[in-house]
């Protein structure tokens, strides 16, 4: 069997705010087609790591590679070209409240393509239908439930058919059923787009339901303690901090998805 091709490689990455080191010596590989989870306890630097990977914060040292490209060694235009291949879903959704869903989803298409307005409108309707929001083009974010706003933000994130999808706590604020539906939607979109997905989360149900690979960050050690499929880590990892997290402190190695 041909081994999976690396999509993103993080090498020797150190994250810091001034003299304060948040994480050091991070080394892991995200393979093409992975649903890769960045996990760990509160305050360990999960969202900060995501910001380093999508160009919002430069690492103190180390590198992030997209294929053969050393991301932070590129100039600003070259980095922007890589990020245009990515869609991002922020924890809050970050929809423009003064715009309808159609206007929100159309933004990246209008900004990065020369498509005619009628083609943009067709694509917007298609993207909203993919996330179960057909017919909601003229609704404003305030008129939707939290789960629907997350799905609308996801429609915007996939507007340009990205190679990479980055999600920051996508299930935050959702009830268990909405969170499970969002997990299923992420799986379906990964299959239909062929995208590589990177998710920041501490929700074990989501981790076990959809993740194929992961890295575990620890705030006390200030480095990663494990990497690999979370279900495999649950069965094989001997680090007590990782095991405590993956079992909610019970030490029982059964997969729990609800």
C-alpha atoms as a PDB file:
ATOM      1  CA  UNK A   1       0.000   0.000   0.000  1.00  0.00           C
ATOM      2  CA  UNK A   2       1.291   3.465  -0.928  1.00  0.00           C
ATOM      3  CA  UNK A   3       1.858   5.567   2.212  1.00  0.00           C
ATOM      4  CA  UNK A   4      -0.230   8.755   2.452  1.00  0.00           C
ATOM      5  CA  UNK A   5       1.378  11.900   1.092  1.00  0.00           C
ATOM      6  CA  UNK A   6       2.210  14.602   3.634  1.00  0.00           C
ATOM      7  CA  UNK A   7       0.066  17.738   3.234  1.00  0.00           C
ATOM      8  CA  UNK A   8       1.443  19.824   6.123  1.00  0.00           C
ATOM      9  CA  UNK A   9       4.592  19.170   8.143  1.00  0.00           C
ATOM     10  CA  UNK A  10       5.384  21.067  11.350  1.00  0.00           C
ATOM     11  CA  UNK A  11       9.086  20.949  12.243  1.00  0.00           C
ATOM     12  CA  UNK A  12      10.679  22.072  15.506  1.00  0.00           C
ATOM     13  CA  UNK A  13       7.997  24.706  16.068  1.00  0.00           C
ATOM     14  CA  UNK A  14       8.212  26.957  19.128  1.00  0.00           C
ATOM     15  CA  UNK A  15       5.317  29.277  19.984  1.00  0.00           C
ATOM     16  CA  UNK A  16       6.003  32.240  22.247  1.00  0.00           C
ATOM     17  CA  UNK A  17       4.663  35.615  23.318  1.00  0.00           C
ATOM     18  CA  UNK A  18       7.795  37.627  23.968  1.00  0.00           C
ATOM     19  CA  UNK A  19       9.862  35.695  26.504  1.00  0.00           C
ATOM     20  CA  UNK A  20       6.926  33.479  27.489  1.00  0.00           C
ATOM     21  CA  UNK A  21       7.163  30.115  25.704  1.00  0.00           C
ATOM     22  CA  UNK A  22       3.782  28.507  25.153  1.00  0.00           C
ATOM     23  CA  UNK A  23       4.937  25.337  23.325  1.00  0.00           C
ATOM     24  CA  UNK A  24       8.304  24.178  22.028  1.00  0.00           C
ATOM     25  CA  UNK A  25       9.733  21.472  19.741  1.00  0.00           C
ATOM     26  CA  UNK A  26       6.487  20.568  17.989  1.00  0.00           C
ATOM     27  CA  UNK A  27       7.034  17.945  15.265  1.00  0.00           C
ATOM     28  CA  UNK A  28       4.142  16.276  13.473  1.00  0.00           C
ATOM     29  CA  UNK A  29       2.831  15.474  10.002  1.00  0.00           C
ATOM     30  CA  UNK A  30      -0.679  15.988   8.640  1.00  0.00           C
ATOM     31  CA  UNK A  31      -1.301  13.642   5.727  1.00  0.00           C
ATOM     32  CA  UNK A  32      -3.409  14.476   2.692  1.00  0.00           C
ATOM     33  CA  UNK A  33      -7.037  13.676   3.437  1.00  0.00           C
ATOM     34  CA  UNK A  34      -6.555  13.552   7.209  1.00  0.00           C
ATOM     35  CA  UNK A  35      -9.069  14.870   9.683  1.00  0.00           C
ATOM     36  CA  UNK A  36      -6.362  16.043  12.045  1.00  0.00           C
ATOM     37  CA  UNK A  37      -7.235  17.150  15.575  1.00  0.00           C
ATOM     38  CA  UNK A  38      -5.172  19.520  17.702  1.00  0.00           C
ATOM     39  CA  UNK A  39      -6.147  18.515  21.230  1.00  0.00           C
ATOM     40  CA  UNK A  40      -5.176  19.189  24.820  1.00  0.00           C
ATOM     41  CA  UNK A  41      -6.416  20.958  27.926  1.00  0.00           C
ATOM     42  CA  UNK A  42      -7.442  24.595  28.180  1.00  0.00           C
ATOM     43  CA  UNK A  43      -4.614  27.086  27.736  1.00  0.00           C
ATOM     44  CA  UNK A  44      -2.176  24.678  26.095  1.00  0.00           C
ATOM     45  CA  UNK A  45      -1.967  26.664  22.839  1.00  0.00           C
ATOM     46  CA  UNK A  46      -4.308  24.804  20.485  1.00  0.00           C
ATOM     47  CA  UNK A  47      -5.787  27.881  18.834  1.00  0.00           C
ATOM     48  CA  UNK A  48      -2.396  29.591  18.792  1.00  0.00           C
ATOM     49  CA  UNK A  49      -0.956  26.652  16.870  1.00  0.00           C
ATOM     50  CA  UNK A  50      -3.764  26.995  14.346  1.00  0.00           C
ATOM     51  CA  UNK A  51      -2.932  30.702  13.954  1.00  0.00           C
ATOM     52  CA  UNK A  52       0.704  29.779  13.221  1.00  0.00           C
ATOM     53  CA  UNK A  53      -0.482  27.359  10.541  1.00  0.00           C
ATOM     54  CA  UNK A  54      -2.783  29.796   8.717  1.00  0.00           C
ATOM     55  CA  UNK A  55      -0.441  32.767   8.678  1.00  0.00           C
ATOM     56  CA  UNK A  56      -1.847  34.878  11.513  1.00  0.00           C
ATOM     57  CA  UNK A  57       1.166  34.551  13.825  1.00  0.00           C
ATOM     58  CA  UNK A  58       4.793  33.807  13.019  1.00  0.00           C
ATOM     59  CA  UNK A  59       6.499  31.149  15.161  1.00  0.00           C
ATOM     60  CA  UNK A  60       9.391  32.030  17.445  1.00  0.00           C
ATOM     61  CA  UNK A  61      11.328  29.277  15.674  1.00  0.00           C
ATOM     62  CA  UNK A  62      10.733  26.220  13.532  1.00  0.00           C
ATOM     63  CA  UNK A  63       8.778  25.836  10.316  1.00  0.00           C
ATOM     64  CA  UNK A  64       5.447  24.916   8.759  1.00  0.00           C
ATOM     65  CA  UNK A  65       5.663  23.177   5.379  1.00  0.00           C
ATOM     66  CA  UNK A  66       2.871  22.988   2.829  1.00  0.00           C
ATOM     67  CA  UNK A  67       4.158  20.283   0.501  1.00  0.00           C
ATOM     68  CA  UNK A  68       7.590  21.505  -0.616  1.00  0.00           C
ATOM     69  CA  UNK A  69       7.000  25.107   0.517  1.00  0.00           C
ATOM     70  CA  UNK A  70       8.450  26.419   3.784  1.00  0.00           C
ATOM     71  CA  UNK A  71       5.495  28.673   4.599  1.00  0.00           C
ATOM     72  CA  UNK A  72       7.159  31.256   6.845  1.00  0.00           C
ATOM     73  CA  UNK A  73      10.217  31.504   4.576  1.00  0.00           C
ATOM     74  CA  UNK A  74       7.996  32.699   1.705  1.00  0.00           C
ATOM     75  CA  UNK A  75       7.191  36.321   0.985  1.00  0.00           C
ATOM     76  CA  UNK A  76       3.771  37.733   1.835  1.00  0.00           C
ATOM     77  CA  UNK A  77       2.290  37.207  -1.630  1.00  0.00           C
ATOM     78  CA  UNK A  78       3.449  33.579  -1.744  1.00  0.00           C
ATOM     79  CA  UNK A  79       1.986  32.906   1.716  1.00  0.00           C
ATOM     80  CA  UNK A  80      -1.288  34.517   0.632  1.00  0.00           C
ATOM     81  CA  UNK A  81      -1.407  32.212  -2.401  1.00  0.00           C
ATOM     82  CA  UNK A  82      -1.206  29.174  -0.104  1.00  0.00           C
ATOM     83  CA  UNK A  83      -3.838  30.500   2.289  1.00  0.00           C
ATOM     84  CA  UNK A  84      -6.200  31.113  -0.627  1.00  0.00           C
ATOM     85  CA  UNK A  85      -6.264  27.313  -0.907  1.00  0.00           C
ATOM     86  CA  UNK A  86      -7.629  27.126   2.657  1.00  0.00           C
ATOM     87  CA  UNK A  87     -11.014  27.705   4.247  1.00  0.00           C
ATOM     88  CA  UNK A  88     -11.265  28.723   7.899  1.00  0.00           C
ATOM     89  CA  UNK A  89     -14.175  28.301  10.311  1.00  0.00           C
ATOM     90  CA  UNK A  90     -13.627  30.421  13.414  1.00  0.00           C
ATOM     91  CA  UNK A  91     -15.071  29.529  16.804  1.00  0.00           C
ATOM     92  CA  UNK A  92     -17.618  32.372  16.681  1.00  0.00           C
ATOM     93  CA  UNK A  93     -18.470  31.758  13.017  1.00  0.00           C
ATOM     94  CA  UNK A  94     -17.397  35.360  12.274  1.00  0.00           C
ATOM     95  CA  UNK A  95     -20.253  36.025   9.877  1.00  0.00           C
ATOM     96  CA  UNK A  96     -20.916  39.668   8.986  1.00  0.00           C
ATOM     97  CA  UNK A  97     -24.108  40.473  10.897  1.00  0.00           C
ATOM     98  CA  UNK A  98     -25.133  43.216   8.455  1.00  0.00           C
ATOM     99  CA  UNK A  99     -25.013  40.832   5.477  1.00  0.00           C
ATOM    100  CA  UNK A 100     -27.354  38.044   4.442  1.00  0.00           C
ATOM    101  CA  UNK A 101     -26.062  34.487   4.258  1.00  0.00           C
ATOM    102  CA  UNK A 102     -25.786  34.802   0.484  1.00  0.00           C
ATOM    103  CA  UNK A 103     -23.727  37.972   0.819  1.00  0.00           C
ATOM    104  CA  UNK A 104     -21.466  36.345   3.435  1.00  0.00           C
ATOM    105  CA  UNK A 105     -20.801  33.264   1.317  1.00  0.00           C
ATOM    106  CA  UNK A 106     -20.308  35.359  -1.824  1.00  0.00           C
ATOM    107  CA  UNK A 107     -17.503  37.444  -0.282  1.00  0.00           C
ATOM    108  CA  UNK A 108     -14.559  35.118  -1.069  1.00  0.00           C
ATOM    109  CA  UNK A 109     -15.928  34.428  -4.543  1.00  0.00           C
ATOM    110  CA  UNK A 110     -16.202  38.144  -5.279  1.00  0.00           C
ATOM    111  CA  UNK A 111     -12.794  38.912  -3.807  1.00  0.00           C
ATOM    112  CA  UNK A 112     -10.737  36.105  -5.363  1.00  0.00           C
ATOM    113  CA  UNK A 113     -12.483  35.315  -8.668  1.00  0.00           C
ATOM    114  CA  UNK A 114     -13.739  37.147 -11.750  1.00  0.00           C
ATOM    115  CA  UNK A 115     -16.949  35.153 -11.943  1.00  0.00           C
ATOM    116  CA  UNK A 116     -20.065  36.850 -13.211  1.00  0.00           C
ATOM    117  CA  UNK A 117     -22.656  37.812 -10.553  1.00  0.00           C
ATOM    118  CA  UNK A 118     -25.140  35.197 -11.772  1.00  0.00           C
ATOM    119  CA  UNK A 119     -22.477  32.456 -11.497  1.00  0.00           C
ATOM    120  CA  UNK A 120     -21.572  33.628  -7.994  1.00  0.00           C
ATOM    121  CA  UNK A 121     -25.252  33.462  -7.030  1.00  0.00           C
ATOM    122  CA  UNK A 122     -25.488  29.885  -8.338  1.00  0.00           C
ATOM    123  CA  UNK A 123     -22.380  28.831  -6.427  1.00  0.00           C
ATOM    124  CA  UNK A 124     -23.622  30.489  -3.237  1.00  0.00           C
ATOM    125  CA  UNK A 125     -26.912  28.614  -3.467  1.00  0.00           C
ATOM    126  CA  UNK A 126     -25.016  25.364  -4.097  1.00  0.00           C
ATOM    127  CA  UNK A 127     -22.665  25.848  -1.131  1.00  0.00           C
ATOM    128  CA  UNK A 128     -25.561  26.651   1.188  1.00  0.00           C
ATOM    129  CA  UNK A 129     -27.396  23.555  -0.032  1.00  0.00           C
ATOM    130  CA  UNK A 130     -24.334  21.430   0.764  1.00  0.00           C
ATOM    131  CA  UNK A 131     -24.570  22.461   4.425  1.00  0.00           C
ATOM    132  CA  UNK A 132     -28.347  22.038   4.605  1.00  0.00           C
ATOM    133  CA  UNK A 133     -29.286  25.707   4.252  1.00  0.00           C
ATOM    134  CA  UNK A 134     -30.966  25.748   0.836  1.00  0.00           C
ATOM    135  CA  UNK A 135     -33.515  28.555   0.737  1.00  0.00           C
ATOM    136  CA  UNK A 136     -31.859  30.592   3.499  1.00  0.00           C
ATOM    137  CA  UNK A 137     -29.923  32.911   1.170  1.00  0.00           C
ATOM    138  CA  UNK A 138     -31.769  36.058   2.299  1.00  0.00           C
ATOM    139  CA  UNK A 139     -31.640  35.358   6.043  1.00  0.00           C
ATOM    140  CA  UNK A 140     -29.385  37.344   8.353  1.00  0.00           C
ATOM    141  CA  UNK A 141     -27.160  35.569  10.926  1.00  0.00           C
ATOM    142  CA  UNK A 142     -29.261  36.939  13.820  1.00  0.00           C
ATOM    143  CA  UNK A 143     -32.275  35.086  12.432  1.00  0.00           C
ATOM    144  CA  UNK A 144     -30.593  31.680  12.721  1.00  0.00           C
ATOM    145  CA  UNK A 145     -29.843  29.230  15.506  1.00  0.00           C
ATOM    146  CA  UNK A 146     -26.261  28.690  16.647  1.00  0.00           C
ATOM    147  CA  UNK A 147     -25.986  25.458  14.686  1.00  0.00           C
ATOM    148  CA  UNK A 148     -27.294  27.089  11.529  1.00  0.00           C
ATOM    149  CA  UNK A 149     -24.817  29.953  11.878  1.00  0.00           C
ATOM    150  CA  UNK A 150     -21.977  27.436  12.156  1.00  0.00           C
ATOM    151  CA  UNK A 151     -23.175  25.728   8.981  1.00  0.00           C
ATOM    152  CA  UNK A 152     -23.452  29.075   7.193  1.00  0.00           C
ATOM    153  CA  UNK A 153     -19.891  29.911   8.208  1.00  0.00           C
ATOM    154  CA  UNK A 154     -18.855  26.494   6.914  1.00  0.00           C
ATOM    155  CA  UNK A 155     -20.512  27.267   3.563  1.00  0.00           C
ATOM    156  CA  UNK A 156     -18.381  30.396   3.347  1.00  0.00           C
ATOM    157  CA  UNK A 157     -15.255  28.418   4.288  1.00  0.00           C
ATOM    158  CA  UNK A 158     -15.827  25.998   1.384  1.00  0.00           C
ATOM    159  CA  UNK A 159     -16.807  28.680  -1.154  1.00  0.00           C
ATOM    160  CA  UNK A 160     -13.537  28.343  -3.092  1.00  0.00           C
ATOM    161  CA  UNK A 161     -13.355  24.505  -2.912  1.00  0.00           C
ATOM    162  CA  UNK A 162     -10.292  24.629  -0.614  1.00  0.00           C
ATOM    163  CA  UNK A 163      -7.563  22.015  -0.355  1.00  0.00           C
ATOM    164  CA  UNK A 164      -7.373  22.658   3.402  1.00  0.00           C
ATOM    165  CA  UNK A 165     -10.075  23.321   5.983  1.00  0.00           C
ATOM    166  CA  UNK A 166      -9.195  24.740   9.399  1.00  0.00           C
ATOM    167  CA  UNK A 167     -11.780  24.693  12.202  1.00  0.00           C
ATOM    168  CA  UNK A 168     -11.375  26.357  15.613  1.00  0.00           C
ATOM    169  CA  UNK A 169     -13.678  24.670  18.153  1.00  0.00           C
ATOM    170  CA  UNK A 170     -16.468  24.073  15.601  1.00  0.00           C
ATOM    171  CA  UNK A 171     -18.767  22.443  18.187  1.00  0.00           C
ATOM    172  CA  UNK A 172     -18.425  25.223  20.782  1.00  0.00           C
ATOM    173  CA  UNK A 173     -21.846  26.362  21.975  1.00  0.00           C
ATOM    174  CA  UNK A 174     -23.744  23.621  20.174  1.00  0.00           C
ATOM    175  CA  UNK A 175     -26.045  21.058  21.775  1.00  0.00           C
ATOM    176  CA  UNK A 176     -24.967  17.398  21.419  1.00  0.00           C
ATOM    177  CA  UNK A 177     -27.287  16.673  18.468  1.00  0.00           C
ATOM    178  CA  UNK A 178     -26.183  19.772  16.547  1.00  0.00           C
ATOM    179  CA  UNK A 179     -22.545  18.921  17.296  1.00  0.00           C
ATOM    180  CA  UNK A 180     -23.025  15.373  16.001  1.00  0.00           C
ATOM    181  CA  UNK A 181     -24.701  16.693  12.848  1.00  0.00           C
ATOM    182  CA  UNK A 182     -21.789  19.064  12.303  1.00  0.00           C
ATOM    183  CA  UNK A 183     -19.340  16.169  12.674  1.00  0.00           C
ATOM    184  CA  UNK A 184     -21.227  14.246  10.003  1.00  0.00           C
ATOM    185  CA  UNK A 185     -21.215  17.291   7.749  1.00  0.00           C
ATOM    186  CA  UNK A 186     -17.439  17.640   8.142  1.00  0.00           C
ATOM    187  CA  UNK A 187     -17.005  13.992   7.129  1.00  0.00           C
ATOM    188  CA  UNK A 188     -19.208  14.451   4.074  1.00  0.00           C
ATOM    189  CA  UNK A 189     -17.405  17.626   2.988  1.00  0.00           C
ATOM    190  CA  UNK A 190     -14.002  16.007   3.421  1.00  0.00           C
ATOM    191  CA  UNK A 191     -15.134  13.257   1.059  1.00  0.00           C
ATOM    192  CA  UNK A 192     -16.774  15.543  -1.511  1.00  0.00           C
ATOM    193  CA  UNK A 193     -13.986  18.162  -1.562  1.00  0.00           C
ATOM    194  CA  UNK A 194     -11.045  15.815  -1.005  1.00  0.00           C
ATOM    195  CA  UNK A 195      -9.798  18.357   1.518  1.00  0.00           C
ATOM    196  CA  UNK A 196      -7.374  17.945   4.397  1.00  0.00           C
ATOM    197  CA  UNK A 197      -9.100  19.024   7.621  1.00  0.00           C
ATOM    198  CA  UNK A 198      -7.439  20.444  10.748  1.00  0.00           C
ATOM    199  CA  UNK A 199      -9.631  20.906  13.830  1.00  0.00           C
ATOM    200  CA  UNK A 200      -8.938  22.474  17.214  1.00  0.00           C
ATOM    201  CA  UNK A 201     -11.182  20.806  19.788  1.00  0.00           C
ATOM    202  CA  UNK A 202     -11.341  19.223  23.219  1.00  0.00           C
ATOM    203  CA  UNK A 203     -14.679  17.496  22.537  1.00  0.00           C
ATOM    204  CA  UNK A 204     -13.973  13.772  22.897  1.00  0.00           C
ATOM    205  CA  UNK A 205     -17.162  12.696  21.129  1.00  0.00           C
ATOM    206  CA  UNK A 206     -16.089  14.591  18.006  1.00  0.00           C
ATOM    207  CA  UNK A 207     -12.485  13.443  18.318  1.00  0.00           C
ATOM    208  CA  UNK A 208     -13.421   9.766  18.367  1.00  0.00           C
ATOM    209  CA  UNK A 209     -16.152  10.147  15.736  1.00  0.00           C
ATOM    210  CA  UNK A 210     -14.181  11.829  12.957  1.00  0.00           C
ATOM    211  CA  UNK A 211     -10.433  12.189  13.682  1.00  0.00           C
ATOM    212  CA  UNK A 212      -7.913  10.111  11.750  1.00  0.00           C
ATOM    213  CA  UNK A 213      -4.795  11.752  13.209  1.00  0.00           C
ATOM    214  CA  UNK A 214      -3.921  14.162  16.020  1.00  0.00           C
ATOM    215  CA  UNK A 215      -1.372  15.927  18.168  1.00  0.00           C
ATOM    216  CA  UNK A 216      -1.702  16.333  21.944  1.00  0.00           C
ATOM    217  CA  UNK A 217      -0.332  19.535  23.498  1.00  0.00           C
ATOM    218  CA  UNK A 218       0.373  19.846  27.214  1.00  0.00           C
ATOM    219  CA  UNK A 219       0.502  23.175  29.044  1.00  0.00           C
ATOM    220  CA  UNK A 220       2.755  21.937  31.859  1.00  0.00           C
ATOM    221  CA  UNK A 221       5.361  20.188  29.712  1.00  0.00           C
ATOM    222  CA  UNK A 222       5.053  23.019  27.141  1.00  0.00           C
ATOM    223  CA  UNK A 223       5.374  20.553  24.300  1.00  0.00           C
ATOM    224  CA  UNK A 224       3.523  17.771  22.515  1.00  0.00           C
ATOM    225  CA  UNK A 225       3.153  14.473  24.343  1.00  0.00           C
ATOM    226  CA  UNK A 226       1.730  12.312  21.558  1.00  0.00           C
ATOM    227  CA  UNK A 227       0.674  12.205  17.917  1.00  0.00           C
ATOM    228  CA  UNK A 228      -1.410   9.683  15.978  1.00  0.00           C
ATOM    229  CA  UNK A 229      -4.946   8.384  15.562  1.00  0.00           C
ATOM    230  CA  UNK A 230      -6.758   9.239  18.837  1.00  0.00           C
ATOM    231  CA  UNK A 231      -8.412   5.812  18.964  1.00  0.00           C
ATOM    232  CA  UNK A 232      -4.982   4.194  18.693  1.00  0.00           C
ATOM    233  CA  UNK A 233      -3.580   6.541  21.335  1.00  0.00           C
ATOM    234  CA  UNK A 234      -6.453   5.597  23.634  1.00  0.00           C
ATOM    235  CA  UNK A 235      -5.460   1.945  23.411  1.00  0.00           C
ATOM    236  CA  UNK A 236      -1.662   2.208  23.266  1.00  0.00           C
ATOM    237  CA  UNK A 237      -0.439   5.487  24.779  1.00  0.00           C
ATOM    238  CA  UNK A 238       1.211   5.099  28.180  1.00  0.00           C
ATOM    239  CA  UNK A 239       1.569   8.787  29.036  1.00  0.00           C
ATOM    240  CA  UNK A 240      -0.740   9.412  32.037  1.00  0.00           C
ATOM    241  CA  UNK A 241      -1.605  12.977  30.991  1.00  0.00           C
ATOM    242  CA  UNK A 242      -2.732  11.876  27.537  1.00  0.00           C
ATOM    243  CA  UNK A 243      -4.627   8.892  28.904  1.00  0.00           C
ATOM    244  CA  UNK A 244      -6.304  11.072  31.544  1.00  0.00           C
ATOM    245  CA  UNK A 245      -7.523  13.428  28.819  1.00  0.00           C
ATOM    246  CA  UNK A 246      -8.707  10.694  26.451  1.00  0.00           C
ATOM    247  CA  UNK A 247     -10.629   8.868  29.190  1.00  0.00           C
ATOM    248  CA  UNK A 248     -11.994  11.936  31.023  1.00  0.00           C
ATOM    249  CA  UNK A 249      -9.987  10.837  34.022  1.00  0.00           C
ATOM    250  CA  UNK A 250     -11.546   7.377  34.285  1.00  0.00           C
ATOM    251  CA  UNK A 251      -8.603   5.391  32.895  1.00  0.00           C
ATOM    252  CA  UNK A 252     -11.074   3.237  30.930  1.00  0.00           C
ATOM    253  CA  UNK A 253      -9.928   2.727  27.356  1.00  0.00           C
ATOM    254  CA  UNK A 254     -13.336   2.288  25.695  1.00  0.00           C
ATOM    255  CA  UNK A 255     -14.194   4.719  22.909  1.00  0.00           C
ATOM    256  CA  UNK A 256     -17.013   6.999  24.040  1.00  0.00           C
ATOM    257  CA  UNK A 257     -18.737   9.018  21.323  1.00  0.00           C
ATOM    258  CA  UNK A 258     -21.772  10.261  23.217  1.00  0.00           C
END
